[in-house]
Amino acid sequence: MILLKKAVVKQSLAVNHLIEDDCANDGPISVSNIIRKILAKTLLVMANMIKQCERVEWVCKLFNIKNHFTTEEEKVSRNVSWAFEH
């Protein structure tokens, strides 16, 4: 486990906010705890962004996704293109 001094960690604004929000104790701060908490907050923000999108195409544009199908899925969709018609 990697531990850092709070003064060093506070140089990151994101981590500083976690400390201010009482997500860290008074001792050394575990890097894995920081990553886990930042990831959780990031995923929450992303989930809220996705909820605001009304169409799959908007999600793809938001996250710059060029193609959200695997090669195998593309082959299947070509073979049964009638299933995707509106």
C-alpha atoms as a PDB file:
ATOM      1  CA  MET A   1       0.000   0.000   0.000  1.00  0.00           C
ATOM      2  CA  ILE A   2       1.324   3.436  -0.929  1.00  0.00           C
ATOM      3  CA  LEU A   3       0.779   6.162   1.663  1.00  0.00           C
ATOM      4  CA  LEU A   4       1.255   9.882   1.119  1.00  0.00           C
ATOM      5  CA  LYS A   5       1.407  12.843   3.479  1.00  0.00           C
ATOM      6  CA  LYS A   6      -1.748  14.932   3.481  1.00  0.00           C
ATOM      7  CA  ALA A   7       0.203  18.089   2.547  1.00  0.00           C
ATOM      8  CA  VAL A   8       1.419  16.416  -0.647  1.00  0.00           C
ATOM      9  CA  VAL A   9      -1.984  15.033  -1.536  1.00  0.00           C
ATOM     10  CA  LYS A  10      -3.728  18.378  -0.981  1.00  0.00           C
ATOM     11  CA  GLN A  11      -1.856  19.768  -3.983  1.00  0.00           C
ATOM     12  CA  SER A  12      -4.457  18.012  -6.134  1.00  0.00           C
ATOM     13  CA  LEU A  13      -7.701  19.996  -6.142  1.00  0.00           C
ATOM     14  CA  ALA A  14      -9.812  16.864  -6.585  1.00  0.00           C
ATOM     15  CA  VAL A  15      -8.146  15.134  -3.663  1.00  0.00           C
ATOM     16  CA  ASN A  16      -8.252  18.308  -1.590  1.00  0.00           C
ATOM     17  CA  HIS A  17     -12.033  18.349  -2.029  1.00  0.00           C
ATOM     18  CA  LEU A  18     -12.201  14.746  -0.800  1.00  0.00           C
ATOM     19  CA  ILE A  19     -10.223  15.739   2.305  1.00  0.00           C
ATOM     20  CA  GLU A  20     -12.461  18.747   2.895  1.00  0.00           C
ATOM     21  CA  ASP A  21     -15.538  16.520   2.517  1.00  0.00           C
ATOM     22  CA  ASP A  22     -14.181  14.385   5.383  1.00  0.00           C
ATOM     23  CA  CYS A  23     -13.391  11.416   3.138  1.00  0.00           C
ATOM     24  CA  ALA A  24      -9.899  11.064   4.630  1.00  0.00           C
ATOM     25  CA  ASN A  25      -8.707  10.514   8.170  1.00  0.00           C
ATOM     26  CA  ASP A  26      -5.979  12.525   9.924  1.00  0.00           C
ATOM     27  CA  GLY A  27      -3.195  10.009   9.217  1.00  0.00           C
ATOM     28  CA  PRO A  28      -1.447   9.098   5.974  1.00  0.00           C
ATOM     29  CA  ILE A  29      -3.727   8.830   2.960  1.00  0.00           C
ATOM     30  CA  SER A  30      -3.847   5.621   0.926  1.00  0.00           C
ATOM     31  CA  VAL A  31      -3.445   6.171  -2.813  1.00  0.00           C
ATOM     32  CA  SER A  32      -5.894   3.326  -3.506  1.00  0.00           C
ATOM     33  CA  ASN A  33      -8.546   5.067  -1.368  1.00  0.00           C
ATOM     34  CA  ILE A  34      -8.012   8.307  -3.282  1.00  0.00           C
ATOM     35  CA  ILE A  35      -8.325   6.562  -6.643  1.00  0.00           C
ATOM     36  CA  ARG A  36     -11.438   4.670  -5.536  1.00  0.00           C
ATOM     37  CA  LYS A  37     -13.171   7.828  -4.303  1.00  0.00           C
ATOM     38  CA  ILE A  38     -12.221   9.885  -7.357  1.00  0.00           C
ATOM     39  CA  LEU A  39     -13.418   7.071  -9.614  1.00  0.00           C
ATOM     40  CA  ALA A  40     -16.730   6.869  -7.734  1.00  0.00           C
ATOM     41  CA  LYS A  41     -17.303  10.610  -8.098  1.00  0.00           C
ATOM     42  CA  THR A  42     -16.293  10.516 -11.763  1.00  0.00           C
ATOM     43  CA  LEU A  43     -18.691   7.660 -12.480  1.00  0.00           C
ATOM     44  CA  LEU A  44     -21.504   9.514 -10.739  1.00  0.00           C
ATOM     45  CA  VAL A  45     -20.895  12.598 -12.893  1.00  0.00           C
ATOM     46  CA  MET A  46     -20.784  10.459 -16.048  1.00  0.00           C
ATOM     47  CA  ALA A  47     -23.996   8.639 -15.075  1.00  0.00           C
ATOM     48  CA  ASN A  48     -25.760  11.964 -14.596  1.00  0.00           C
ATOM     49  CA  MET A  49     -24.521  13.144 -18.003  1.00  0.00           C
ATOM     50  CA  ILE A  50     -25.840   9.964 -19.642  1.00  0.00           C
ATOM     51  CA  LYS A  51     -29.220  10.316 -17.917  1.00  0.00           C
ATOM     52  CA  GLN A  52     -29.635  13.712 -19.580  1.00  0.00           C
ATOM     53  CA  CYS A  53     -29.159  12.197 -23.050  1.00  0.00           C
ATOM     54  CA  GLU A  54     -32.398  11.203 -24.727  1.00  0.00           C
ATOM     55  CA  ARG A  55     -30.839   9.161 -27.529  1.00  0.00           C
ATOM     56  CA  VAL A  56     -27.957   6.717 -27.892  1.00  0.00           C
ATOM     57  CA  GLU A  57     -26.488   8.948 -30.587  1.00  0.00           C
ATOM     58  CA  TRP A  58     -26.212  11.803 -28.066  1.00  0.00           C
ATOM     59  CA  VAL A  59     -24.276   9.588 -25.646  1.00  0.00           C
ATOM     60  CA  CYS A  60     -21.907   8.587 -28.454  1.00  0.00           C
ATOM     61  CA  LYS A  61     -21.368  12.239 -29.359  1.00  0.00           C
ATOM     62  CA  LEU A  62     -20.889  13.269 -25.719  1.00  0.00           C
ATOM     63  CA  PHE A  63     -18.151  10.691 -25.133  1.00  0.00           C
ATOM     64  CA  ASN A  64     -16.735  10.813 -28.678  1.00  0.00           C
ATOM     65  CA  ILE A  65     -17.650   7.188 -29.375  1.00  0.00           C
ATOM     66  CA  LYS A  66     -17.186   6.495 -33.073  1.00  0.00           C
ATOM     67  CA  ASN A  67     -18.635   2.992 -33.104  1.00  0.00           C
ATOM     68  CA  HIS A  68     -20.252   1.304 -30.129  1.00  0.00           C
ATOM     69  CA  PHE A  69     -20.591  -2.108 -31.803  1.00  0.00           C
ATOM     70  CA  THR A  70     -17.958  -4.822 -31.844  1.00  0.00           C
ATOM     71  CA  THR A  71     -16.960  -6.307 -35.199  1.00  0.00           C
ATOM     72  CA  GLU A  72     -19.046  -9.381 -34.422  1.00  0.00           C
ATOM     73  CA  GLU A  73     -22.088  -7.267 -33.540  1.00  0.00           C
ATOM     74  CA  GLU A  74     -21.742  -5.343 -36.802  1.00  0.00           C
ATOM     75  CA  LYS A  75     -21.739  -8.610 -38.778  1.00  0.00           C
ATOM     76  CA  VAL A  76     -24.862  -9.789 -36.986  1.00  0.00           C
ATOM     77  CA  SER A  77     -26.637  -6.470 -37.538  1.00  0.00           C
ATOM     78  CA  ARG A  78     -25.847  -6.626 -41.276  1.00  0.00           C
ATOM     79  CA  ASN A  79     -27.265 -10.150 -41.475  1.00  0.00           C
ATOM     80  CA  VAL A  80     -30.460  -9.192 -39.696  1.00  0.00           C
ATOM     81  CA  SER A  81     -30.722  -5.558 -40.732  1.00  0.00           C
ATOM     82  CA  TRP A  82     -34.504  -5.948 -40.947  1.00  0.00           C
ATOM     83  CA  ALA A  83     -34.559  -6.230 -37.133  1.00  0.00           C
ATOM     84  CA  PHE A  84     -33.116  -2.724 -36.794  1.00  0.00           C
ATOM     85  CA  GLU A  85     -35.529  -1.028 -39.220  1.00  0.00           C
ATOM     86  CA  HIS A  86     -38.094   1.339 -37.766  1.00  0.00           C
END
